[in-house]
Amino acid sequence: MVVNPFQDRQISNTERRRTFLESVDSSELVWHRDKKDRLVTVLESQNWEIQYDNELPIHMNPGDQFFIPKNTYHRVIKGTGQLVVDIKES
């Protein structure tokens, strides 16, 4: 059984709210790819970042949106406090 470093709450068939707690271990935030396109909307973030493969990290601020094409390597880099995002898949 895979244990995820986040908590998910389903909002609709295509949308979920994902929360990364401040207590998450940075080593759990690994490079990965998703099977579907995702639009990520940041709701809460203090110094958390997103990084795409071969690119520099980008600060995630409340209100920011990030498009992650399917099969694109990316990761989240831990900040302070919790990170809360809405994820819409297509």
PDB file of N, CA and C in Angstrom:
ATOM      1  N   MET A   1       0.849  -1.192   0.000  1.00  0.00           N
ATOM      2  CA  MET A   1       0.000   0.000   0.000  1.00  0.00           C
ATOM      3  C   MET A   1       0.888   1.247   0.000  1.00  0.00           C
ATOM      4  N   VAL A   2       0.597   2.166  -0.910  1.00  0.00           N
ATOM      5  CA  VAL A   2       1.344   3.418  -1.021  1.00  0.00           C
ATOM      6  C   VAL A   2       0.736   4.442  -0.067  1.00  0.00           C
ATOM      7  N   VAL A   3       1.589   5.071   0.736  1.00  0.00           N
ATOM      8  CA  VAL A   3       1.135   6.135   1.630  1.00  0.00           C
ATOM      9  C   VAL A   3       1.560   7.457   1.016  1.00  0.00           C
ATOM     10  N   ASN A   4       0.600   8.308   0.731  1.00  0.00           N
ATOM     11  CA  ASN A   4       0.873   9.604   0.103  1.00  0.00           C
ATOM     12  C   ASN A   4       1.261  10.645   1.154  1.00  0.00           C
ATOM     13  N   PRO A   5       2.096  11.613   0.767  1.00  0.00           N
ATOM     14  CA  PRO A   5       2.506  12.673   1.702  1.00  0.00           C
ATOM     15  C   PRO A   5       1.492  13.811   1.786  1.00  0.00           C
ATOM     16  N   PHE A   6       0.254  13.557   1.418  1.00  0.00           N
ATOM     17  CA  PHE A   6      -0.784  14.583   1.386  1.00  0.00           C
ATOM     18  C   PHE A   6      -2.122  13.963   1.741  1.00  0.00           C
ATOM     19  N   GLN A   7      -3.101  14.834   1.977  1.00  0.00           N
ATOM     20  CA  GLN A   7      -4.483  14.422   2.202  1.00  0.00           C
ATOM     21  C   GLN A   7      -5.310  14.934   1.040  1.00  0.00           C
ATOM     22  N   ASP A   8      -6.184  14.087   0.511  1.00  0.00           N
ATOM     23  CA  ASP A   8      -7.049  14.469  -0.608  1.00  0.00           C
ATOM     24  C   ASP A   8      -8.503  14.486  -0.174  1.00  0.00           C
ATOM     25  N   ARG A   9      -9.248  15.448  -0.708  1.00  0.00           N
ATOM     26  CA  ARG A   9     -10.700  15.486  -0.525  1.00  0.00           C
ATOM     27  C   ARG A   9     -11.317  15.723  -1.894  1.00  0.00           C
ATOM     28  N   GLN A  10     -12.133  14.796  -2.344  1.00  0.00           N
ATOM     29  CA  GLN A  10     -12.770  14.902  -3.660  1.00  0.00           C
ATOM     30  C   GLN A  10     -13.811  16.010  -3.633  1.00  0.00           C
ATOM     31  N   ILE A  11     -13.743  16.920  -4.618  1.00  0.00           N
ATOM     32  CA  ILE A  11     -14.690  18.027  -4.727  1.00  0.00           C
ATOM     33  C   ILE A  11     -15.734  17.713  -5.800  1.00  0.00           C
ATOM     34  N   SER A  12     -15.275  17.122  -6.912  1.00  0.00           N
ATOM     35  CA  SER A  12     -16.162  16.710  -7.998  1.00  0.00           C
ATOM     36  C   SER A  12     -15.487  15.545  -8.711  1.00  0.00           C
ATOM     37  N   ASN A  13     -16.069  15.096  -9.819  1.00  0.00           N
ATOM     38  CA  ASN A  13     -15.471  13.985 -10.576  1.00  0.00           C
ATOM     39  C   ASN A  13     -14.078  14.315 -11.084  1.00  0.00           C
ATOM     40  N   THR A  14     -13.813  15.588 -11.347  1.00  0.00           N
ATOM     41  CA  THR A  14     -12.531  15.980 -11.942  1.00  0.00           C
ATOM     42  C   THR A  14     -11.689  16.873 -11.038  1.00  0.00           C
ATOM     43  N   GLU A  15     -12.177  17.191  -9.838  1.00  0.00           N
ATOM     44  CA  GLU A  15     -11.462  18.145  -8.990  1.00  0.00           C
ATOM     45  C   GLU A  15     -11.326  17.626  -7.561  1.00  0.00           C
ATOM     46  N   ARG A  16     -10.137  17.880  -6.981  1.00  0.00           N
ATOM     47  CA  ARG A  16      -9.897  17.504  -5.589  1.00  0.00           C
ATOM     48  C   ARG A  16      -9.111  18.605  -4.888  1.00  0.00           C
ATOM     49  N   ARG A  17      -9.250  18.655  -3.579  1.00  0.00           N
ATOM     50  CA  ARG A  17      -8.465  19.569  -2.752  1.00  0.00           C
ATOM     51  C   ARG A  17      -7.376  18.738  -2.072  1.00  0.00           C
ATOM     52  N   ARG A  18      -6.144  19.166  -2.235  1.00  0.00           N
ATOM     53  CA  ARG A  18      -4.995  18.430  -1.704  1.00  0.00           C
ATOM     54  C   ARG A  18      -4.274  19.302  -0.684  1.00  0.00           C
ATOM     55  N   THR A  19      -3.978  18.703   0.477  1.00  0.00           N
ATOM     56  CA  THR A  19      -3.301  19.405   1.562  1.00  0.00           C
ATOM     57  C   THR A  19      -2.019  18.675   1.938  1.00  0.00           C
ATOM     58  N   PHE A  20      -0.924  19.415   1.912  1.00  0.00           N
ATOM     59  CA  PHE A  20       0.363  18.930   2.400  1.00  0.00           C
ATOM     60  C   PHE A  20       0.582  19.592   3.756  1.00  0.00           C
ATOM     61  N   LEU A  21       0.720  18.804   4.807  1.00  0.00           N
ATOM     62  CA  LEU A  21       0.908  19.351   6.144  1.00  0.00           C
ATOM     63  C   LEU A  21       2.343  19.815   6.352  1.00  0.00           C
ATOM     64  N   GLU A  22       2.524  20.741   7.274  1.00  0.00           N
ATOM     65  CA  GLU A  22       3.860  21.239   7.583  1.00  0.00           C
ATOM     66  C   GLU A  22       4.766  20.114   8.075  1.00  0.00           C
ATOM     67  N   SER A  23       4.177  19.082   8.654  1.00  0.00           N
ATOM     68  CA  SER A  23       4.957  17.976   9.219  1.00  0.00           C
ATOM     69  C   SER A  23       5.468  16.987   8.170  1.00  0.00           C
ATOM     70  N   VAL A  24       5.094  17.162   6.895  1.00  0.00           N
ATOM     71  CA  VAL A  24       5.545  16.225   5.860  1.00  0.00           C
ATOM     72  C   VAL A  24       7.067  16.264   5.770  1.00  0.00           C
ATOM     73  N   ASP A  25       7.675  15.096   5.595  1.00  0.00           N
ATOM     74  CA  ASP A  25       9.125  15.006   5.437  1.00  0.00           C
ATOM     75  C   ASP A  25       9.477  15.362   3.996  1.00  0.00           C
ATOM     76  N   SER A  26      10.433  16.250   3.808  1.00  0.00           N
ATOM     77  CA  SER A  26      10.830  16.684   2.454  1.00  0.00           C
ATOM     78  C   SER A  26      11.201  15.513   1.557  1.00  0.00           C
ATOM     79  N   SER A  27      11.730  14.441   2.132  1.00  0.00           N
ATOM     80  CA  SER A  27      12.135  13.283   1.329  1.00  0.00           C
ATOM     81  C   SER A  27      10.946  12.563   0.706  1.00  0.00           C
ATOM     82  N   GLU A  28       9.741  12.827   1.192  1.00  0.00           N
ATOM     83  CA  GLU A  28       8.530  12.217   0.629  1.00  0.00           C
ATOM     84  C   GLU A  28       8.026  12.968  -0.611  1.00  0.00           C
ATOM     85  N   LEU A  29       8.535  14.158  -0.845  1.00  0.00           N
ATOM     86  CA  LEU A  29       8.092  14.988  -1.972  1.00  0.00           C
ATOM     87  C   LEU A  29       9.000  14.696  -3.166  1.00  0.00           C
ATOM     88  N   VAL A  30       8.671  13.629  -3.871  1.00  0.00           N
ATOM     89  CA  VAL A  30       9.550  13.094  -4.908  1.00  0.00           C
ATOM     90  C   VAL A  30       9.133  13.556  -6.315  1.00  0.00           C
ATOM     91  N   TRP A  31      10.093  13.469  -7.235  1.00  0.00           N
ATOM     92  CA  TRP A  31       9.799  13.710  -8.652  1.00  0.00           C
ATOM     93  C   TRP A  31       8.796  12.657  -9.100  1.00  0.00           C
ATOM     94  N   HIS A  32       7.812  13.091  -9.877  1.00  0.00           N
ATOM     95  CA  HIS A  32       6.804  12.150 -10.373  1.00  0.00           C
ATOM     96  C   HIS A  32       6.137  12.712 -11.622  1.00  0.00           C
ATOM     97  N   ARG A  33       5.355  11.847 -12.283  1.00  0.00           N
ATOM     98  CA  ARG A  33       4.543  12.233 -13.445  1.00  0.00           C
ATOM     99  C   ARG A  33       3.100  11.850 -13.163  1.00  0.00           C
ATOM    100  N   ASP A  34       2.178  12.580 -13.753  1.00  0.00           N
ATOM    101  CA  ASP A  34       0.752  12.279 -13.616  1.00  0.00           C
ATOM    102  C   ASP A  34       0.211  11.746 -14.934  1.00  0.00           C
ATOM    103  N   LYS A  35      -0.850  10.952 -14.853  1.00  0.00           N
ATOM    104  CA  LYS A  35      -1.418  10.314 -16.045  1.00  0.00           C
ATOM    105  C   LYS A  35      -2.368  11.221 -16.816  1.00  0.00           C
ATOM    106  N   LYS A  36      -2.751  12.347 -16.207  1.00  0.00           N
ATOM    107  CA  LYS A  36      -3.666  13.288 -16.856  1.00  0.00           C
ATOM    108  C   LYS A  36      -3.121  14.706 -16.737  1.00  0.00           C
ATOM    109  N   ASP A  37      -3.570  15.593 -17.643  1.00  0.00           N
ATOM    110  CA  ASP A  37      -3.261  17.019 -17.510  1.00  0.00           C
ATOM    111  C   ASP A  37      -3.874  17.519 -16.207  1.00  0.00           C
ATOM    112  N   ARG A  38      -3.180  18.459 -15.556  1.00  0.00           N
ATOM    113  CA  ARG A  38      -3.702  19.020 -14.315  1.00  0.00           C
ATOM    114  C   ARG A  38      -3.562  20.536 -14.307  1.00  0.00           C
ATOM    115  N   LEU A  39      -4.595  21.181 -13.800  1.00  0.00           N
ATOM    116  CA  LEU A  39      -4.543  22.611 -13.514  1.00  0.00           C
ATOM    117  C   LEU A  39      -4.571  22.733 -11.991  1.00  0.00           C
ATOM    118  N   VAL A  40      -3.511  23.285 -11.428  1.00  0.00           N
ATOM    119  CA  VAL A  40      -3.360  23.395  -9.977  1.00  0.00           C
ATOM    120  C   VAL A  40      -3.568  24.849  -9.574  1.00  0.00           C
ATOM    121  N   THR A  41      -4.505  25.086  -8.661  1.00  0.00           N
ATOM    122  CA  THR A  41      -4.761  26.417  -8.120  1.00  0.00           C
ATOM    123  C   THR A  41      -4.314  26.431  -6.665  1.00  0.00           C
ATOM    124  N   VAL A  42      -3.434  27.361  -6.328  1.00  0.00           N
ATOM    125  CA  VAL A  42      -2.881  27.449  -4.974  1.00  0.00           C
ATOM    126  C   VAL A  42      -3.845  28.218  -4.078  1.00  0.00           C
ATOM    127  N   LEU A  43      -4.243  27.600  -2.963  1.00  0.00           N
ATOM    128  CA  LEU A  43      -5.128  28.250  -1.996  1.00  0.00           C
ATOM    129  C   LEU A  43      -4.354  28.765  -0.785  1.00  0.00           C
ATOM    130  N   GLU A  44      -3.397  27.965  -0.282  1.00  0.00           N
ATOM    131  CA  GLU A  44      -2.551  28.357   0.846  1.00  0.00           C
ATOM    132  C   GLU A  44      -1.126  27.937   0.549  1.00  0.00           C
ATOM    133  N   SER A  45      -0.168  28.816   0.799  1.00  0.00           N
ATOM    134  CA  SER A  45       1.237  28.491   0.601  1.00  0.00           C
ATOM    135  C   SER A  45       2.112  29.552   1.239  1.00  0.00           C
ATOM    136  N   GLN A  46       3.136  29.104   1.946  1.00  0.00           N
ATOM    137  CA  GLN A  46       4.159  30.005   2.477  1.00  0.00           C
ATOM    138  C   GLN A  46       5.508  29.418   2.086  1.00  0.00           C
ATOM    139  N   ASN A  47       6.090  29.966   1.046  1.00  0.00           N
ATOM    140  CA  ASN A  47       7.419  29.564   0.568  1.00  0.00           C
ATOM    141  C   ASN A  47       7.478  28.155  -0.020  1.00  0.00           C
ATOM    142  N   TRP A  48       6.342  27.555  -0.343  1.00  0.00           N
ATOM    143  CA  TRP A  48       6.351  26.285  -1.053  1.00  0.00           C
ATOM    144  C   TRP A  48       6.663  26.590  -2.516  1.00  0.00           C
ATOM    145  N   GLU A  49       7.258  25.619  -3.202  1.00  0.00           N
ATOM    146  CA  GLU A  49       7.620  25.812  -4.601  1.00  0.00           C
ATOM    147  C   GLU A  49       7.231  24.591  -5.418  1.00  0.00           C
ATOM    148  N   ILE A  50       7.081  24.814  -6.710  1.00  0.00           N
ATOM    149  CA  ILE A  50       6.894  23.730  -7.668  1.00  0.00           C
ATOM    150  C   ILE A  50       8.090  23.772  -8.614  1.00  0.00           C
ATOM    151  N   GLN A  51       8.539  22.603  -9.025  1.00  0.00           N
ATOM    152  CA  GLN A  51       9.661  22.540  -9.951  1.00  0.00           C
ATOM    153  C   GLN A  51       9.349  21.536 -11.051  1.00  0.00           C
ATOM    154  N   TYR A  52       9.493  22.008 -12.284  1.00  0.00           N
ATOM    155  CA  TYR A  52       9.356  21.141 -13.459  1.00  0.00           C
ATOM    156  C   TYR A  52      10.744  20.637 -13.836  1.00  0.00           C
ATOM    157  N   ASP A  53      10.811  19.498 -14.510  1.00  0.00           N
ATOM    158  CA  ASP A  53      12.075  18.902 -14.928  1.00  0.00           C
ATOM    159  C   ASP A  53      12.911  19.903 -15.726  1.00  0.00           C
ATOM    160  N   ASN A  54      14.189  20.011 -15.395  1.00  0.00           N
ATOM    161  CA  ASN A  54      15.154  20.888 -16.072  1.00  0.00           C
ATOM    162  C   ASN A  54      14.807  22.374 -15.971  1.00  0.00           C
ATOM    163  N   GLU A  55      14.059  22.759 -14.936  1.00  0.00           N
ATOM    164  CA  GLU A  55      13.727  24.169 -14.715  1.00  0.00           C
ATOM    165  C   GLU A  55      14.001  24.538 -13.266  1.00  0.00           C
ATOM    166  N   LEU A  56      14.147  25.826 -13.002  1.00  0.00           N
ATOM    167  CA  LEU A  56      14.328  26.295 -11.634  1.00  0.00           C
ATOM    168  C   LEU A  56      12.998  26.259 -10.884  1.00  0.00           C
ATOM    169  N   PRO A  57      13.020  26.101  -9.549  1.00  0.00           N
ATOM    170  CA  PRO A  57      11.777  26.116  -8.767  1.00  0.00           C
ATOM    171  C   PRO A  57      11.043  27.452  -8.900  1.00  0.00           C
ATOM    172  N   ILE A  58       9.717  27.391  -8.789  1.00  0.00           N
ATOM    173  CA  ILE A  58       8.850  28.565  -8.874  1.00  0.00           C
ATOM    174  C   ILE A  58       8.065  28.666  -7.567  1.00  0.00           C
ATOM    175  N   HIS A  59       8.074  29.860  -6.938  1.00  0.00           N
ATOM    176  CA  HIS A  59       7.296  30.056  -5.711  1.00  0.00           C
ATOM    177  C   HIS A  59       5.811  29.891  -6.018  1.00  0.00           C
ATOM    178  N   MET A  60       5.112  29.255  -5.095  1.00  0.00           N
ATOM    179  CA  MET A  60       3.672  29.059  -5.219  1.00  0.00           C
ATOM    180  C   MET A  60       2.990  30.013  -4.247  1.00  0.00           C
ATOM    181  N   ASN A  61       2.280  30.993  -4.785  1.00  0.00           N
ATOM    182  CA  ASN A  61       1.575  31.978  -3.968  1.00  0.00           C
ATOM    183  C   ASN A  61       0.074  31.763  -4.074  1.00  0.00           C
ATOM    184  N   PRO A  62      -0.679  32.063  -3.010  1.00  0.00           N
ATOM    185  CA  PRO A  62      -2.138  31.929  -3.090  1.00  0.00           C
ATOM    186  C   PRO A  62      -2.685  32.667  -4.317  1.00  0.00           C
ATOM    187  N   GLY A  63      -3.537  31.985  -5.062  1.00  0.00           N
ATOM    188  CA  GLY A  63      -4.124  32.552  -6.274  1.00  0.00           C
ATOM    189  C   GLY A  63      -3.406  32.142  -7.551  1.00  0.00           C
ATOM    190  N   ASP A  64      -2.152  31.676  -7.434  1.00  0.00           N
ATOM    191  CA  ASP A  64      -1.412  31.226  -8.614  1.00  0.00           C
ATOM    192  C   ASP A  64      -2.035  29.966  -9.194  1.00  0.00           C
ATOM    193  N   GLN A  65      -1.909  29.816 -10.500  1.00  0.00           N
ATOM    194  CA  GLN A  65      -2.327  28.590 -11.178  1.00  0.00           C
ATOM    195  C   GLN A  65      -1.149  28.046 -11.974  1.00  0.00           C
ATOM    196  N   PHE A  66      -1.022  26.720 -11.964  1.00  0.00           N
ATOM    197  CA  PHE A  66       0.041  26.036 -12.689  1.00  0.00           C
ATOM    198  C   PHE A  66      -0.566  24.926 -13.514  1.00  0.00           C
ATOM    199  N   PHE A  67      -0.204  24.882 -14.796  1.00  0.00           N
ATOM    200  CA  PHE A  67      -0.647  23.799 -15.667  1.00  0.00           C
ATOM    201  C   PHE A  67       0.465  22.759 -15.717  1.00  0.00           C
ATOM    202  N   ILE A  68       0.103  21.510 -15.458  1.00  0.00           N
ATOM    203  CA  ILE A  68       1.067  20.413 -15.500  1.00  0.00           C
ATOM    204  C   ILE A  68       0.583  19.427 -16.558  1.00  0.00           C
ATOM    205  N   PRO A  69       1.225  19.419 -17.733  1.00  0.00           N
ATOM    206  CA  PRO A  69       0.824  18.464 -18.770  1.00  0.00           C
ATOM    207  C   PRO A  69       1.072  17.025 -18.313  1.00  0.00           C
ATOM    208  N   LYS A  70       0.215  16.109 -18.749  1.00  0.00           N
ATOM    209  CA  LYS A  70       0.404  14.707 -18.369  1.00  0.00           C
ATOM    210  C   LYS A  70       1.800  14.244 -18.783  1.00  0.00           C
ATOM    211  N   ASN A  71       2.343  13.328 -17.990  1.00  0.00           N
ATOM    212  CA  ASN A  71       3.666  12.724 -18.204  1.00  0.00           C
ATOM    213  C   ASN A  71       4.828  13.709 -18.087  1.00  0.00           C
ATOM    214  N   THR A  72       4.620  14.868 -17.450  1.00  0.00           N
ATOM    215  CA  THR A  72       5.683  15.844 -17.220  1.00  0.00           C
ATOM    216  C   THR A  72       6.236  15.647 -15.811  1.00  0.00           C
ATOM    217  N   TYR A  73       7.548  15.406 -15.713  1.00  0.00           N
ATOM    218  CA  TYR A  73       8.164  15.264 -14.392  1.00  0.00           C
ATOM    219  C   TYR A  73       8.106  16.592 -13.651  1.00  0.00           C
ATOM    220  N   HIS A  74       7.725  16.510 -12.365  1.00  0.00           N
ATOM    221  CA  HIS A  74       7.654  17.688 -11.516  1.00  0.00           C
ATOM    222  C   HIS A  74       7.684  17.252 -10.052  1.00  0.00           C
ATOM    223  N   ARG A  75       7.883  18.224  -9.175  1.00  0.00           N
ATOM    224  CA  ARG A  75       7.845  17.948  -7.742  1.00  0.00           C
ATOM    225  C   ARG A  75       7.464  19.212  -6.993  1.00  0.00           C
ATOM    226  N   VAL A  76       7.062  19.021  -5.739  1.00  0.00           N
ATOM    227  CA  VAL A  76       6.773  20.122  -4.825  1.00  0.00           C
ATOM    228  C   VAL A  76       7.933  20.207  -3.849  1.00  0.00           C
ATOM    229  N   ILE A  77       8.351  21.430  -3.523  1.00  0.00           N
ATOM    230  CA  ILE A  77       9.424  21.660  -2.565  1.00  0.00           C
ATOM    231  C   ILE A  77       8.812  22.317  -1.332  1.00  0.00           C
ATOM    232  N   LYS A  78       9.098  21.718  -0.180  1.00  0.00           N
ATOM    233  CA  LYS A  78       8.475  22.127   1.074  1.00  0.00           C
ATOM    234  C   LYS A  78       8.822  23.557   1.469  1.00  0.00           C
ATOM    235  N   GLY A  79       7.792  24.251   1.961  1.00  0.00           N
ATOM    236  CA  GLY A  79       7.956  25.575   2.536  1.00  0.00           C
ATOM    237  C   GLY A  79       7.639  25.500   4.023  1.00  0.00           C
ATOM    238  N   THR A  80       6.972  26.537   4.536  1.00  0.00           N
ATOM    239  CA  THR A  80       6.547  26.538   5.933  1.00  0.00           C
ATOM    240  C   THR A  80       5.032  26.509   5.968  1.00  0.00           C
ATOM    241  N   GLY A  81       4.487  26.064   7.073  1.00  0.00           N
ATOM    242  CA  GLY A  81       3.038  25.929   7.165  1.00  0.00           C
ATOM    243  C   GLY A  81       2.558  24.848   6.215  1.00  0.00           C
ATOM    244  N   GLN A  82       1.291  24.856   5.907  1.00  0.00           N
ATOM    245  CA  GLN A  82       0.756  23.840   5.006  1.00  0.00           C
ATOM    246  C   GLN A  82       0.567  24.402   3.602  1.00  0.00           C
ATOM    247  N   LEU A  83       0.531  23.492   2.645  1.00  0.00           N
ATOM    248  CA  LEU A  83       0.223  23.826   1.254  1.00  0.00           C
ATOM    249  C   LEU A  83      -1.140  23.242   0.939  1.00  0.00           C
ATOM    250  N   VAL A  84      -2.058  24.080   0.446  1.00  0.00           N
ATOM    251  CA  VAL A  84      -3.387  23.622   0.047  1.00  0.00           C
ATOM    252  C   VAL A  84      -3.606  24.042  -1.395  1.00  0.00           C
ATOM    253  N   VAL A  85      -3.946  23.071  -2.246  1.00  0.00           N
ATOM    254  CA  VAL A  85      -4.187  23.337  -3.654  1.00  0.00           C
ATOM    255  C   VAL A  85      -5.448  22.633  -4.113  1.00  0.00           C
ATOM    256  N   ASP A  86      -6.099  23.209  -5.109  1.00  0.00           N
ATOM    257  CA  ASP A  86      -7.176  22.522  -5.822  1.00  0.00           C
ATOM    258  C   ASP A  86      -6.583  21.991  -7.109  1.00  0.00           C
ATOM    259  N   ILE A  87      -6.872  20.741  -7.437  1.00  0.00           N
ATOM    260  CA  ILE A  87      -6.354  20.096  -8.632  1.00  0.00           C
ATOM    261  C   ILE A  87      -7.520  19.700  -9.522  1.00  0.00           C
ATOM    262  N   LYS A  88      -7.505  20.195 -10.748  1.00  0.00           N
ATOM    263  CA  LYS A  88      -8.539  19.833 -11.723  1.00  0.00           C
ATOM    264  C   LYS A  88      -7.865  19.038 -12.827  1.00  0.00           C
ATOM    265  N   GLU A  89      -8.336  17.818 -13.060  1.00  0.00           N
ATOM    266  CA  GLU A  89      -7.753  16.933 -14.084  1.00  0.00           C
ATOM    267  C   GLU A  89      -8.594  16.966 -15.350  1.00  0.00           C
ATOM    268  N   SER A  90      -7.899  16.805 -16.471  1.00  0.00           N
ATOM    269  CA  SER A  90      -8.616  16.709 -17.753  1.00  0.00           C
ATOM    270  C   SER A  90      -7.977  15.651 -18.617  1.00  0.00           C
TER     271      SER A  90
END
